[in-house]
Amino acid sequence: MPYDYKNELSKVRAYYEGDPLQKRFSALICGGVGAGKTYLLHTARRPVHIDSFDPGGTKCLRPLIESGQVIADTQWEGDDPFHPDKFAKWMKTTDIRLQIDYFNHFGTYCIDGATMWAMLL
């Protein structure tokens, strides 16, 4: 049978549509302070849940937070450098949230504050 581009195109499309990995998107956004990493969430699929480790980092999302389109969990901000405990508490909370399928109710999940972690290295 000769090569048929329409048949090949049809197979590629069918594979893409059946591939569960194509239904999600993951990204690691890096940049300096004030580069717009958090602001980029204005374009994210809603609703958005953000676990913020960046003190004051969600200010640029305030209108979306007030409207309920973004849920900002800021309890992780401002860890004590002499007695750090936020990360361990976040891990426990995240485990619970995974068990109760909490994240299935959001279009986007974001961990904000990797810049702070990178500065520690």
PDB file of N, CA and C in Angstrom:
ATOM      1  N   MET A   1       0.843  -1.178   0.000  1.00  0.00           N
ATOM      2  CA  MET A   1       0.000   0.000   0.000  1.00  0.00           C
ATOM      3  C   MET A   1       0.889   1.241   0.000  1.00  0.00           C
ATOM      4  N   PRO A   2       0.644   2.163  -0.899  1.00  0.00           N
ATOM      5  CA  PRO A   2       1.471   3.374  -0.951  1.00  0.00           C
ATOM      6  C   PRO A   2       1.224   4.253   0.281  1.00  0.00           C
ATOM      7  N   TYR A   3       2.212   5.057   0.558  1.00  0.00           N
ATOM      8  CA  TYR A   3       2.119   5.978   1.696  1.00  0.00           C
ATOM      9  C   TYR A   3       1.005   6.976   1.431  1.00  0.00           C
ATOM     10  N   ASP A   4       0.160   7.167   2.418  1.00  0.00           N
ATOM     11  CA  ASP A   4      -0.961   8.092   2.312  1.00  0.00           C
ATOM     12  C   ASP A   4      -0.848   9.095   3.451  1.00  0.00           C
ATOM     13  N   TYR A   5      -0.547  10.335   3.150  1.00  0.00           N
ATOM     14  CA  TYR A   5      -0.329  11.329   4.198  1.00  0.00           C
ATOM     15  C   TYR A   5      -1.586  11.558   5.026  1.00  0.00           C
ATOM     16  N   LYS A   6      -2.766  11.447   4.414  1.00  0.00           N
ATOM     17  CA  LYS A   6      -4.006  11.651   5.157  1.00  0.00           C
ATOM     18  C   LYS A   6      -4.193  10.554   6.207  1.00  0.00           C
ATOM     19  N   ASN A   7      -3.863   9.339   5.845  1.00  0.00           N
ATOM     20  CA  ASN A   7      -3.961   8.220   6.791  1.00  0.00           C
ATOM     21  C   ASN A   7      -2.964   8.420   7.940  1.00  0.00           C
ATOM     22  N   GLU A   8      -1.753   8.830   7.608  1.00  0.00           N
ATOM     23  CA  GLU A   8      -0.727   9.075   8.631  1.00  0.00           C
ATOM     24  C   GLU A   8      -1.151  10.207   9.559  1.00  0.00           C
ATOM     25  N   LEU A   9      -1.672  11.278   8.995  1.00  0.00           N
ATOM     26  CA  LEU A   9      -2.145  12.409   9.779  1.00  0.00           C
ATOM     27  C   LEU A   9      -3.270  11.979  10.726  1.00  0.00           C
ATOM     28  N   SER A  10      -4.152  11.159  10.225  1.00  0.00           N
ATOM     29  CA  SER A  10      -5.250  10.649  11.039  1.00  0.00           C
ATOM     30  C   SER A  10      -4.728   9.822  12.213  1.00  0.00           C
ATOM     31  N   LYS A  11      -3.709   8.995  11.985  1.00  0.00           N
ATOM     32  CA  LYS A  11      -3.126   8.178  13.055  1.00  0.00           C
ATOM     33  C   LYS A  11      -2.452   9.051  14.113  1.00  0.00           C
ATOM     34  N   VAL A  12      -1.735  10.066  13.671  1.00  0.00           N
ATOM     35  CA  VAL A  12      -1.051  10.961  14.611  1.00  0.00           C
ATOM     36  C   VAL A  12      -2.071  11.707  15.464  1.00  0.00           C
ATOM     37  N   ARG A  13      -3.130  12.214  14.845  1.00  0.00           N
ATOM     38  CA  ARG A  13      -4.175  12.922  15.599  1.00  0.00           C
ATOM     39  C   ARG A  13      -4.861  11.997  16.605  1.00  0.00           C
ATOM     40  N   ALA A  14      -5.154  10.779  16.201  1.00  0.00           N
ATOM     41  CA  ALA A  14      -5.810   9.822  17.094  1.00  0.00           C
ATOM     42  C   ALA A  14      -4.916   9.504  18.283  1.00  0.00           C
ATOM     43  N   TYR A  15      -3.614   9.352  18.033  1.00  0.00           N
ATOM     44  CA  TYR A  15      -2.690   9.083  19.133  1.00  0.00           C
ATOM     45  C   TYR A  15      -2.673  10.264  20.108  1.00  0.00           C
ATOM     46  N   TYR A  16      -2.575  11.472  19.586  1.00  0.00           N
ATOM     47  CA  TYR A  16      -2.533  12.674  20.422  1.00  0.00           C
ATOM     48  C   TYR A  16      -3.789  12.778  21.275  1.00  0.00           C
ATOM     49  N   GLU A  17      -4.947  12.597  20.676  1.00  0.00           N
ATOM     50  CA  GLU A  17      -6.212  12.721  21.393  1.00  0.00           C
ATOM     51  C   GLU A  17      -6.368  11.649  22.469  1.00  0.00           C
ATOM     52  N   GLY A  18      -5.760  10.483  22.289  1.00  0.00           N
ATOM     53  CA  GLY A  18      -5.855   9.410  23.262  1.00  0.00           C
ATOM     54  C   GLY A  18      -4.764   9.411  24.311  1.00  0.00           C
ATOM     55  N   ASP A  19      -3.791  10.299  24.170  1.00  0.00           N
ATOM     56  CA  ASP A  19      -2.659  10.352  25.080  1.00  0.00           C
ATOM     57  C   ASP A  19      -3.010  11.202  26.303  1.00  0.00           C
ATOM     58  N   PRO A  20      -3.138  10.594  27.491  1.00  0.00           N
ATOM     59  CA  PRO A  20      -3.536  11.367  28.682  1.00  0.00           C
ATOM     60  C   PRO A  20      -2.530  12.445  29.072  1.00  0.00           C
ATOM     61  N   LEU A  21      -1.276  12.288  28.702  1.00  0.00           N
ATOM     62  CA  LEU A  21      -0.277  13.304  29.055  1.00  0.00           C
ATOM     63  C   LEU A  21      -0.507  14.620  28.319  1.00  0.00           C
ATOM     64  N   GLN A  22      -1.235  14.599  27.218  1.00  0.00           N
ATOM     65  CA  GLN A  22      -1.480  15.817  26.457  1.00  0.00           C
ATOM     66  C   GLN A  22      -2.579  16.679  27.075  1.00  0.00           C
ATOM     67  N   LYS A  23      -3.247  16.156  28.073  1.00  0.00           N
ATOM     68  CA  LYS A  23      -4.335  16.891  28.699  1.00  0.00           C
ATOM     69  C   LYS A  23      -3.850  17.760  29.856  1.00  0.00           C
ATOM     70  N   ARG A  24      -2.563  17.703  30.153  1.00  0.00           N
ATOM     71  CA  ARG A  24      -2.016  18.516  31.234  1.00  0.00           C
ATOM     72  C   ARG A  24      -0.761  19.236  30.758  1.00  0.00           C
ATOM     73  N   PHE A  25      -0.358  20.197  31.561  1.00  0.00           N
ATOM     74  CA  PHE A  25       0.785  21.020  31.210  1.00  0.00           C
ATOM     75  C   PHE A  25       1.591  21.278  32.477  1.00  0.00           C
ATOM     76  N   SER A  26       2.873  21.102  32.400  1.00  0.00           N
ATOM     77  CA  SER A  26       3.760  21.391  33.531  1.00  0.00           C
ATOM     78  C   SER A  26       4.848  22.336  33.042  1.00  0.00           C
ATOM     79  N   ALA A  27       5.221  23.269  33.908  1.00  0.00           N
ATOM     80  CA  ALA A  27       6.272  24.211  33.539  1.00  0.00           C
ATOM     81  C   ALA A  27       7.042  24.627  34.781  1.00  0.00           C
ATOM     82  N   LEU A  28       8.308  24.865  34.608  1.00  0.00           N
ATOM     83  CA  LEU A  28       9.142  25.452  35.644  1.00  0.00           C
ATOM     84  C   LEU A  28       9.532  26.825  35.118  1.00  0.00           C
ATOM     85  N   ILE A  29       8.984  27.854  35.729  1.00  0.00           N
ATOM     86  CA  ILE A  29       9.227  29.230  35.292  1.00  0.00           C
ATOM     87  C   ILE A  29      10.317  29.815  36.174  1.00  0.00           C
ATOM     88  N   CYS A  30      11.400  30.217  35.565  1.00  0.00           N
ATOM     89  CA  CYS A  30      12.536  30.783  36.300  1.00  0.00           C
ATOM     90  C   CYS A  30      12.764  32.225  35.859  1.00  0.00           C
ATOM     91  N   GLY A  31      13.245  33.016  36.767  1.00  0.00           N
ATOM     92  CA  GLY A  31      13.560  34.398  36.442  1.00  0.00           C
ATOM     93  C   GLY A  31      13.840  35.167  37.711  1.00  0.00           C
ATOM     94  N   GLY A  32      14.377  36.327  37.538  1.00  0.00           N
ATOM     95  CA  GLY A  32      14.720  37.170  38.677  1.00  0.00           C
ATOM     96  C   GLY A  32      13.492  37.749  39.364  1.00  0.00           C
ATOM     97  N   VAL A  33      13.724  38.360  40.506  1.00  0.00           N
ATOM     98  CA  VAL A  33      12.660  39.012  41.256  1.00  0.00           C
ATOM     99  C   VAL A  33      12.020  40.089  40.383  1.00  0.00           C
ATOM    100  N   GLY A  34      10.692  40.068  40.295  1.00  0.00           N
ATOM    101  CA  GLY A  34       9.977  41.075  39.518  1.00  0.00           C
ATOM    102  C   GLY A  34       9.894  40.790  38.031  1.00  0.00           C
ATOM    103  N   ALA A  35      10.322  39.610  37.606  1.00  0.00           N
ATOM    104  CA  ALA A  35      10.315  39.282  36.180  1.00  0.00           C
ATOM    105  C   ALA A  35       8.915  38.987  35.645  1.00  0.00           C
ATOM    106  N   GLY A  36       7.969  38.669  36.529  1.00  0.00           N
ATOM    107  CA  GLY A  36       6.604  38.392  36.088  1.00  0.00           C
ATOM    108  C   GLY A  36       6.211  36.931  36.158  1.00  0.00           C
ATOM    109  N   LYS A  37       6.965  36.147  36.912  1.00  0.00           N
ATOM    110  CA  LYS A  37       6.671  34.704  37.010  1.00  0.00           C
ATOM    111  C   LYS A  37       5.281  34.472  37.610  1.00  0.00           C
ATOM    112  N   THR A  38       4.976  35.113  38.711  1.00  0.00           N
ATOM    113  CA  THR A  38       3.668  34.941  39.350  1.00  0.00           C
ATOM    114  C   THR A  38       2.578  35.609  38.523  1.00  0.00           C
ATOM    115  N   TYR A  39       2.873  36.740  37.943  1.00  0.00           N
ATOM    116  CA  TYR A  39       1.889  37.464  37.126  1.00  0.00           C
ATOM    117  C   TYR A  39       1.409  36.606  35.960  1.00  0.00           C
ATOM    118  N   LEU A  40       2.250  35.714  35.504  1.00  0.00           N
ATOM    119  CA  LEU A  40       1.899  34.830  34.398  1.00  0.00           C
ATOM    120  C   LEU A  40       0.644  34.007  34.709  1.00  0.00           C
ATOM    121  N   LEU A  41       0.326  33.835  35.986  1.00  0.00           N
ATOM    122  CA  LEU A  41      -0.877  33.085  36.369  1.00  0.00           C
ATOM    123  C   LEU A  41      -2.166  33.764  35.904  1.00  0.00           C
ATOM    124  N   HIS A  42      -2.083  35.031  35.492  1.00  0.00           N
ATOM    125  CA  HIS A  42      -3.259  35.699  34.910  1.00  0.00           C
ATOM    126  C   HIS A  42      -3.729  34.956  33.660  1.00  0.00           C
ATOM    127  N   THR A  43      -2.853  34.225  33.016  1.00  0.00           N
ATOM    128  CA  THR A  43      -3.195  33.513  31.779  1.00  0.00           C
ATOM    129  C   THR A  43      -3.502  32.040  32.019  1.00  0.00           C
ATOM    130  N   ALA A  44      -3.434  31.585  33.260  1.00  0.00           N
ATOM    131  CA  ALA A  44      -3.597  30.165  33.570  1.00  0.00           C
ATOM    132  C   ALA A  44      -5.069  29.750  33.562  1.00  0.00           C
ATOM    133  N   ARG A  45      -5.270  28.459  33.350  1.00  0.00           N
ATOM    134  CA  ARG A  45      -6.619  27.900  33.402  1.00  0.00           C
ATOM    135  C   ARG A  45      -7.165  28.035  34.826  1.00  0.00           C
ATOM    136  N   ARG A  46      -8.388  28.497  34.963  1.00  0.00           N
ATOM    137  CA  ARG A  46      -8.995  28.765  36.256  1.00  0.00           C
ATOM    138  C   ARG A  46      -9.898  27.620  36.687  1.00  0.00           C
ATOM    139  N   PRO A  47     -10.151  27.495  37.967  1.00  0.00           N
ATOM    140  CA  PRO A  47      -9.545  28.232  39.070  1.00  0.00           C
ATOM    141  C   PRO A  47      -8.096  27.800  39.299  1.00  0.00           C
ATOM    142  N   VAL A  48      -7.359  28.681  39.963  1.00  0.00           N
ATOM    143  CA  VAL A  48      -5.942  28.463  40.242  1.00  0.00           C
ATOM    144  C   VAL A  48      -5.758  28.313  41.755  1.00  0.00           C
ATOM    145  N   HIS A  49      -4.973  27.322  42.145  1.00  0.00           N
ATOM    146  CA  HIS A  49      -4.537  27.228  43.547  1.00  0.00           C
ATOM    147  C   HIS A  49      -3.037  27.498  43.551  1.00  0.00           C
ATOM    148  N   ILE A  50      -2.620  28.404  44.419  1.00  0.00           N
ATOM    149  CA  ILE A  50      -1.197  28.729  44.534  1.00  0.00           C
ATOM    150  C   ILE A  50      -0.750  28.533  45.975  1.00  0.00           C
ATOM    151  N   ASP A  51       0.288  27.729  46.155  1.00  0.00           N
ATOM    152  CA  ASP A  51       0.953  27.607  47.448  1.00  0.00           C
ATOM    153  C   ASP A  51       2.139  28.560  47.389  1.00  0.00           C
ATOM    154  N   SER A  52       2.057  29.627  48.151  1.00  0.00           N
ATOM    155  CA  SER A  52       3.067  30.679  48.065  1.00  0.00           C
ATOM    156  C   SER A  52       4.064  30.612  49.217  1.00  0.00           C
ATOM    157  N   PHE A  53       5.333  30.512  48.845  1.00  0.00           N
ATOM    158  CA  PHE A  53       6.438  30.585  49.798  1.00  0.00           C
ATOM    159  C   PHE A  53       7.122  31.949  49.705  1.00  0.00           C
ATOM    160  N   ASP A  54       6.648  32.780  48.792  1.00  0.00           N
ATOM    161  CA  ASP A  54       7.256  34.076  48.507  1.00  0.00           C
ATOM    162  C   ASP A  54       6.498  35.171  49.253  1.00  0.00           C
ATOM    163  N   PRO A  55       7.074  35.735  50.328  1.00  0.00           N
ATOM    164  CA  PRO A  55       6.369  36.760  51.104  1.00  0.00           C
ATOM    165  C   PRO A  55       5.898  37.926  50.230  1.00  0.00           C
ATOM    166  N   GLY A  56       4.591  38.133  50.210  1.00  0.00           N
ATOM    167  CA  GLY A  56       4.015  39.218  49.418  1.00  0.00           C
ATOM    168  C   GLY A  56       3.973  38.946  47.929  1.00  0.00           C
ATOM    169  N   GLY A  57       4.332  37.768  47.524  1.00  0.00           N
ATOM    170  CA  GLY A  57       4.437  37.466  46.099  1.00  0.00           C
ATOM    171  C   GLY A  57       3.121  37.392  45.350  1.00  0.00           C
ATOM    172  N   THR A  58       2.018  37.287  46.081  1.00  0.00           N
ATOM    173  CA  THR A  58       0.719  37.171  45.413  1.00  0.00           C
ATOM    174  C   THR A  58       0.022  38.513  45.225  1.00  0.00           C
ATOM    175  N   LYS A  59       0.686  39.606  45.568  1.00  0.00           N
ATOM    176  CA  LYS A  59       0.058  40.934  45.445  1.00  0.00           C
ATOM    177  C   LYS A  59      -0.442  41.207  44.031  1.00  0.00           C
ATOM    178  N   CYS A  60       0.293  40.744  43.036  1.00  0.00           N
ATOM    179  CA  CYS A  60      -0.091  41.002  41.644  1.00  0.00           C
ATOM    180  C   CYS A  60      -1.339  40.223  41.243  1.00  0.00           C
ATOM    181  N   LEU A  61      -1.769  39.282  42.084  1.00  0.00           N
ATOM    182  CA  LEU A  61      -2.953  38.468  41.795  1.00  0.00           C
ATOM    183  C   LEU A  61      -4.175  38.907  42.599  1.00  0.00           C
ATOM    184  N   ARG A  62      -4.046  39.978  43.348  1.00  0.00           N
ATOM    185  CA  ARG A  62      -5.111  40.385  44.270  1.00  0.00           C
ATOM    186  C   ARG A  62      -6.494  40.450  43.629  1.00  0.00           C
ATOM    187  N   PRO A  63      -6.676  41.048  42.448  1.00  0.00           N
ATOM    188  CA  PRO A  63      -8.031  41.073  41.858  1.00  0.00           C
ATOM    189  C   PRO A  63      -8.583  39.671  41.586  1.00  0.00           C
ATOM    190  N   LEU A  64      -7.720  38.754  41.166  1.00  0.00           N
ATOM    191  CA  LEU A  64      -8.158  37.382  40.899  1.00  0.00           C
ATOM    192  C   LEU A  64      -8.453  36.635  42.197  1.00  0.00           C
ATOM    193  N   ILE A  65      -7.700  36.947  43.240  1.00  0.00           N
ATOM    194  CA  ILE A  65      -7.951  36.340  44.554  1.00  0.00           C
ATOM    195  C   ILE A  65      -9.293  36.833  45.094  1.00  0.00           C
ATOM    196  N   GLU A  66      -9.525  38.136  44.998  1.00  0.00           N
ATOM    197  CA  GLU A  66     -10.772  38.714  45.501  1.00  0.00           C
ATOM    198  C   GLU A  66     -11.990  38.188  44.750  1.00  0.00           C
ATOM    199  N   SER A  67     -11.828  37.884  43.472  1.00  0.00           N
ATOM    200  CA  SER A  67     -12.949  37.371  42.680  1.00  0.00           C
ATOM    201  C   SER A  67     -13.155  35.865  42.866  1.00  0.00           C
ATOM    202  N   GLY A  68     -12.222  35.205  43.554  1.00  0.00           N
ATOM    203  CA  GLY A  68     -12.333  33.771  43.780  1.00  0.00           C
ATOM    204  C   GLY A  68     -11.742  32.914  42.679  1.00  0.00           C
ATOM    205  N   GLN A  69     -11.148  33.540  41.670  1.00  0.00           N
ATOM    206  CA  GLN A  69     -10.552  32.783  40.569  1.00  0.00           C
ATOM    207  C   GLN A  69      -9.207  32.175  40.951  1.00  0.00           C
ATOM    208  N   VAL A  70      -8.570  32.769  41.971  1.00  0.00           N
ATOM    209  CA  VAL A  70      -7.299  32.270  42.485  1.00  0.00           C
ATOM    210  C   VAL A  70      -7.449  32.053  43.986  1.00  0.00           C
ATOM    211  N   ILE A  71      -7.046  30.873  44.432  1.00  0.00           N
ATOM    212  CA  ILE A  71      -6.992  30.562  45.857  1.00  0.00           C
ATOM    213  C   ILE A  71      -5.517  30.603  46.238  1.00  0.00           C
ATOM    214  N   ALA A  72      -5.148  31.563  47.070  1.00  0.00           N
ATOM    215  CA  ALA A  72      -3.747  31.740  47.455  1.00  0.00           C
ATOM    216  C   ALA A  72      -3.556  31.263  48.890  1.00  0.00           C
ATOM    217  N   ASP A  73      -2.790  30.206  49.051  1.00  0.00           N
ATOM    218  CA  ASP A  73      -2.459  29.706  50.387  1.00  0.00           C
ATOM    219  C   ASP A  73      -1.106  30.300  50.758  1.00  0.00           C
ATOM    220  N   THR A  74      -1.156  31.349  51.563  1.00  0.00           N
ATOM    221  CA  THR A  74       0.054  32.099  51.910  1.00  0.00           C
ATOM    222  C   THR A  74       0.615  31.716  53.276  1.00  0.00           C
ATOM    223  N   GLN A  75       0.072  30.672  53.879  1.00  0.00           N
ATOM    224  CA  GLN A  75       0.575  30.265  55.202  1.00  0.00           C
ATOM    225  C   GLN A  75       2.017  29.772  55.152  1.00  0.00           C
ATOM    226  N   TRP A  76       2.534  29.526  53.955  1.00  0.00           N
ATOM    227  CA  TRP A  76       3.898  29.001  53.808  1.00  0.00           C
ATOM    228  C   TRP A  76       4.935  30.120  53.727  1.00  0.00           C
ATOM    229  N   GLU A  77       4.484  31.356  53.672  1.00  0.00           N
ATOM    230  CA  GLU A  77       5.395  32.494  53.545  1.00  0.00           C
ATOM    231  C   GLU A  77       6.061  32.817  54.885  1.00  0.00           C
ATOM    232  N   GLY A  78       7.234  33.398  54.810  1.00  0.00           N
ATOM    233  CA  GLY A  78       7.902  33.945  55.987  1.00  0.00           C
ATOM    234  C   GLY A  78       8.425  32.921  56.970  1.00  0.00           C
ATOM    235  N   ASP A  79       9.083  31.908  56.487  1.00  0.00           N
ATOM    236  CA  ASP A  79       9.655  30.896  57.375  1.00  0.00           C
ATOM    237  C   ASP A  79      10.774  31.494  58.224  1.00  0.00           C
ATOM    238  N   ASP A  80      10.908  31.010  59.439  1.00  0.00           N
ATOM    239  CA  ASP A  80      11.967  31.441  60.349  1.00  0.00           C
ATOM    240  C   ASP A  80      13.256  30.732  59.946  1.00  0.00           C
ATOM    241  N   PRO A  81      14.283  31.461  59.524  1.00  0.00           N
ATOM    242  CA  PRO A  81      15.512  30.805  59.063  1.00  0.00           C
ATOM    243  C   PRO A  81      16.245  30.030  60.159  1.00  0.00           C
ATOM    244  N   PHE A  82      15.976  30.357  61.431  1.00  0.00           N
ATOM    245  CA  PHE A  82      16.631  29.657  62.525  1.00  0.00           C
ATOM    246  C   PHE A  82      15.852  28.425  62.979  1.00  0.00           C
ATOM    247  N   HIS A  83      14.560  28.388  62.654  1.00  0.00           N
ATOM    248  CA  HIS A  83      13.697  27.249  62.989  1.00  0.00           C
ATOM    249  C   HIS A  83      12.744  26.988  61.818  1.00  0.00           C
ATOM    250  N   PRO A  84      13.273  26.632  60.669  1.00  0.00           N
ATOM    251  CA  PRO A  84      12.403  26.438  59.498  1.00  0.00           C
ATOM    252  C   PRO A  84      11.477  25.237  59.682  1.00  0.00           C
ATOM    253  N   ASP A  85      10.190  25.469  59.413  1.00  0.00           N
ATOM    254  CA  ASP A  85       9.229  24.376  59.533  1.00  0.00           C
ATOM    255  C   ASP A  85       8.156  24.407  58.441  1.00  0.00           C
ATOM    256  N   LYS A  86       8.146  25.446  57.635  1.00  0.00           N
ATOM    257  CA  LYS A  86       7.086  25.607  56.639  1.00  0.00           C
ATOM    258  C   LYS A  86       7.088  24.481  55.606  1.00  0.00           C
ATOM    259  N   PHE A  87       8.254  24.086  55.133  1.00  0.00           N
ATOM    260  CA  PHE A  87       8.306  23.071  54.085  1.00  0.00           C
ATOM    261  C   PHE A  87       7.747  21.740  54.584  1.00  0.00           C
ATOM    262  N   ALA A  88       8.111  21.332  55.791  1.00  0.00           N
ATOM    263  CA  ALA A  88       7.613  20.068  56.349  1.00  0.00           C
ATOM    264  C   ALA A  88       6.096  20.131  56.521  1.00  0.00           C
ATOM    265  N   LYS A  89       5.576  21.259  56.983  1.00  0.00           N
ATOM    266  CA  LYS A  89       4.128  21.413  57.137  1.00  0.00           C
ATOM    267  C   LYS A  89       3.438  21.386  55.776  1.00  0.00           C
ATOM    268  N   TRP A  90       4.052  22.028  54.777  1.00  0.00           N
ATOM    269  CA  TRP A  90       3.494  22.020  53.428  1.00  0.00           C
ATOM    270  C   TRP A  90       3.440  20.596  52.877  1.00  0.00           C
ATOM    271  N   MET A  91       4.488  19.806  53.100  1.00  0.00           N
ATOM    272  CA  MET A  91       4.497  18.420  52.633  1.00  0.00           C
ATOM    273  C   MET A  91       3.352  17.631  53.256  1.00  0.00           C
ATOM    274  N   LYS A  92       3.125  17.771  54.552  1.00  0.00           N
ATOM    275  CA  LYS A  92       2.027  17.061  55.228  1.00  0.00           C
ATOM    276  C   LYS A  92       0.680  17.495  54.660  1.00  0.00           C
ATOM    277  N   THR A  93       0.507  18.806  54.493  1.00  0.00           N
ATOM    278  CA  THR A  93      -0.744  19.332  53.949  1.00  0.00           C
ATOM    279  C   THR A  93      -0.965  18.850  52.525  1.00  0.00           C
ATOM    280  N   THR A  94       0.088  18.851  51.742  1.00  0.00           N
ATOM    281  CA  THR A  94      -0.023  18.394  50.356  1.00  0.00           C
ATOM    282  C   THR A  94      -0.390  16.919  50.300  1.00  0.00           C
ATOM    283  N   ASP A  95       0.180  16.106  51.152  1.00  0.00           N
ATOM    284  CA  ASP A  95      -0.188  14.681  51.209  1.00  0.00           C
ATOM    285  C   ASP A  95      -1.681  14.515  51.495  1.00  0.00           C
ATOM    286  N   ILE A  96      -2.197  15.279  52.442  1.00  0.00           N
ATOM    287  CA  ILE A  96      -3.633  15.210  52.767  1.00  0.00           C
ATOM    288  C   ILE A  96      -4.458  15.651  51.563  1.00  0.00           C
ATOM    289  N   ARG A  97      -4.058  16.737  50.943  1.00  0.00           N
ATOM    290  CA  ARG A  97      -4.799  17.250  49.781  1.00  0.00           C
ATOM    291  C   ARG A  97      -4.798  16.244  48.635  1.00  0.00           C
ATOM    292  N   LEU A  98      -3.703  15.543  48.456  1.00  0.00           N
ATOM    293  CA  LEU A  98      -3.651  14.517  47.415  1.00  0.00           C
ATOM    294  C   LEU A  98      -4.615  13.372  47.740  1.00  0.00           C
ATOM    295  N   GLN A  99      -4.671  12.984  48.990  1.00  0.00           N
ATOM    296  CA  GLN A  99      -5.553  11.889  49.408  1.00  0.00           C
ATOM    297  C   GLN A  99      -7.028  12.217  49.212  1.00  0.00           C
ATOM    298  N   ILE A 100      -7.395  13.469  49.373  1.00  0.00           N
ATOM    299  CA  ILE A 100      -8.806  13.846  49.258  1.00  0.00           C
ATOM    300  C   ILE A 100      -9.141  14.416  47.873  1.00  0.00           C
ATOM    301  N   ASP A 101      -8.235  14.257  46.915  1.00  0.00           N
ATOM    302  CA  ASP A 101      -8.434  14.737  45.532  1.00  0.00           C
ATOM    303  C   ASP A 101      -8.713  16.240  45.449  1.00  0.00           C
ATOM    304  N   TYR A 102      -8.155  16.982  46.368  1.00  0.00           N
ATOM    305  CA  TYR A 102      -8.328  18.437  46.422  1.00  0.00           C
ATOM    306  C   TYR A 102      -7.929  19.103  45.105  1.00  0.00           C
ATOM    307  N   PHE A 103      -6.807  18.690  44.554  1.00  0.00           N
ATOM    308  CA  PHE A 103      -6.268  19.361  43.376  1.00  0.00           C
ATOM    309  C   PHE A 103      -7.077  19.105  42.109  1.00  0.00           C
ATOM    310  N   ASN A 104      -7.940  18.095  42.132  1.00  0.00           N
ATOM    311  CA  ASN A 104      -8.783  17.814  40.964  1.00  0.00           C
ATOM    312  C   ASN A 104      -9.816  18.904  40.718  1.00  0.00           C
ATOM    313  N   HIS A 105      -9.974  19.814  41.665  1.00  0.00           N
ATOM    314  CA  HIS A 105     -10.972  20.875  41.544  1.00  0.00           C
ATOM    315  C   HIS A 105     -10.384  22.171  40.986  1.00  0.00           C
ATOM    316  N   PHE A 106      -9.143  22.110  40.527  1.00  0.00           N
ATOM    317  CA  PHE A 106      -8.473  23.301  40.015  1.00  0.00           C
ATOM    318  C   PHE A 106      -7.992  23.085  38.589  1.00  0.00           C
ATOM    319  N   GLY A 107      -8.002  24.160  37.825  1.00  0.00           N
ATOM    320  CA  GLY A 107      -7.468  24.111  36.474  1.00  0.00           C
ATOM    321  C   GLY A 107      -5.953  24.232  36.474  1.00  0.00           C
ATOM    322  N   THR A 108      -5.415  24.921  37.479  1.00  0.00           N
ATOM    323  CA  THR A 108      -3.969  25.139  37.573  1.00  0.00           C
ATOM    324  C   THR A 108      -3.542  25.062  39.032  1.00  0.00           C
ATOM    325  N   TYR A 109      -2.401  24.424  39.249  1.00  0.00           N
ATOM    326  CA  TYR A 109      -1.773  24.402  40.573  1.00  0.00           C
ATOM    327  C   TYR A 109      -0.384  25.000  40.431  1.00  0.00           C
ATOM    328  N   CYS A 110      -0.030  25.860  41.377  1.00  0.00           N
ATOM    329  CA  CYS A 110       1.261  26.539  41.314  1.00  0.00           C
ATOM    330  C   CYS A 110       1.933  26.539  42.682  1.00  0.00           C
ATOM    331  N   ILE A 111       3.225  26.263  42.672  1.00  0.00           N
ATOM    332  CA  ILE A 111       4.059  26.470  43.852  1.00  0.00           C
ATOM    333  C   ILE A 111       4.895  27.695  43.535  1.00  0.00           C
ATOM    334  N   ASP A 112       4.715  28.736  44.295  1.00  0.00           N
ATOM    335  CA  ASP A 112       5.440  29.990  44.043  1.00  0.00           C
ATOM    336  C   ASP A 112       6.452  30.212  45.152  1.00  0.00           C
ATOM    337  N   GLY A 113       7.671  30.363  44.771  1.00  0.00           N
ATOM    338  CA  GLY A 113       8.717  30.636  45.747  1.00  0.00           C
ATOM    339  C   GLY A 113       9.987  29.889  45.485  1.00  0.00           C
ATOM    340  N   ALA A 114      10.074  29.214  44.363  1.00  0.00           N
ATOM    341  CA  ALA A 114      11.307  28.497  44.037  1.00  0.00           C
ATOM    342  C   ALA A 114      12.488  29.463  43.943  1.00  0.00           C
ATOM    343  N   THR A 115      12.196  30.725  43.611  1.00  0.00           N
ATOM    344  CA  THR A 115      13.278  31.706  43.574  1.00  0.00           C
ATOM    345  C   THR A 115      13.896  31.856  44.943  1.00  0.00           C
ATOM    346  N   MET A 116      13.049  31.837  45.980  1.00  0.00           N
ATOM    347  CA  MET A 116      13.563  31.929  47.350  1.00  0.00           C
ATOM    348  C   MET A 116      14.408  30.696  47.689  1.00  0.00           C
ATOM    349  N   TRP A 117      13.940  29.516  47.260  1.00  0.00           N
ATOM    350  CA  TRP A 117      14.691  28.288  47.522  1.00  0.00           C
ATOM    351  C   TRP A 117      16.022  28.331  46.801  1.00  0.00           C
ATOM    352  N   ALA A 118      16.026  28.792  45.560  1.00  0.00           N
ATOM    353  CA  ALA A 118      17.259  28.830  44.764  1.00  0.00           C
ATOM    354  C   ALA A 118      18.275  29.784  45.372  1.00  0.00           C
ATOM    355  N   MET A 119      17.805  30.844  45.999  1.00  0.00           N
ATOM    356  CA  MET A 119      18.718  31.802  46.604  1.00  0.00           C
ATOM    357  C   MET A 119      19.457  31.177  47.796  1.00  0.00           C
ATOM    358  N   LEU A 120      18.884  30.122  48.377  1.00  0.00           N
ATOM    359  CA  LEU A 120      19.513  29.482  49.516  1.00  0.00           C
ATOM    360  C   LEU A 120      20.677  28.568  49.109  1.00  0.00           C
ATOM    361  N   LEU A 121      20.693  28.172  47.864  1.00  0.00           N
ATOM    362  CA  LEU A 121      21.737  27.240  47.394  1.00  0.00           C
ATOM    363  C   LEU A 121      23.074  27.912  47.199  1.00  0.00           C
TER     364      LEU A 121
END
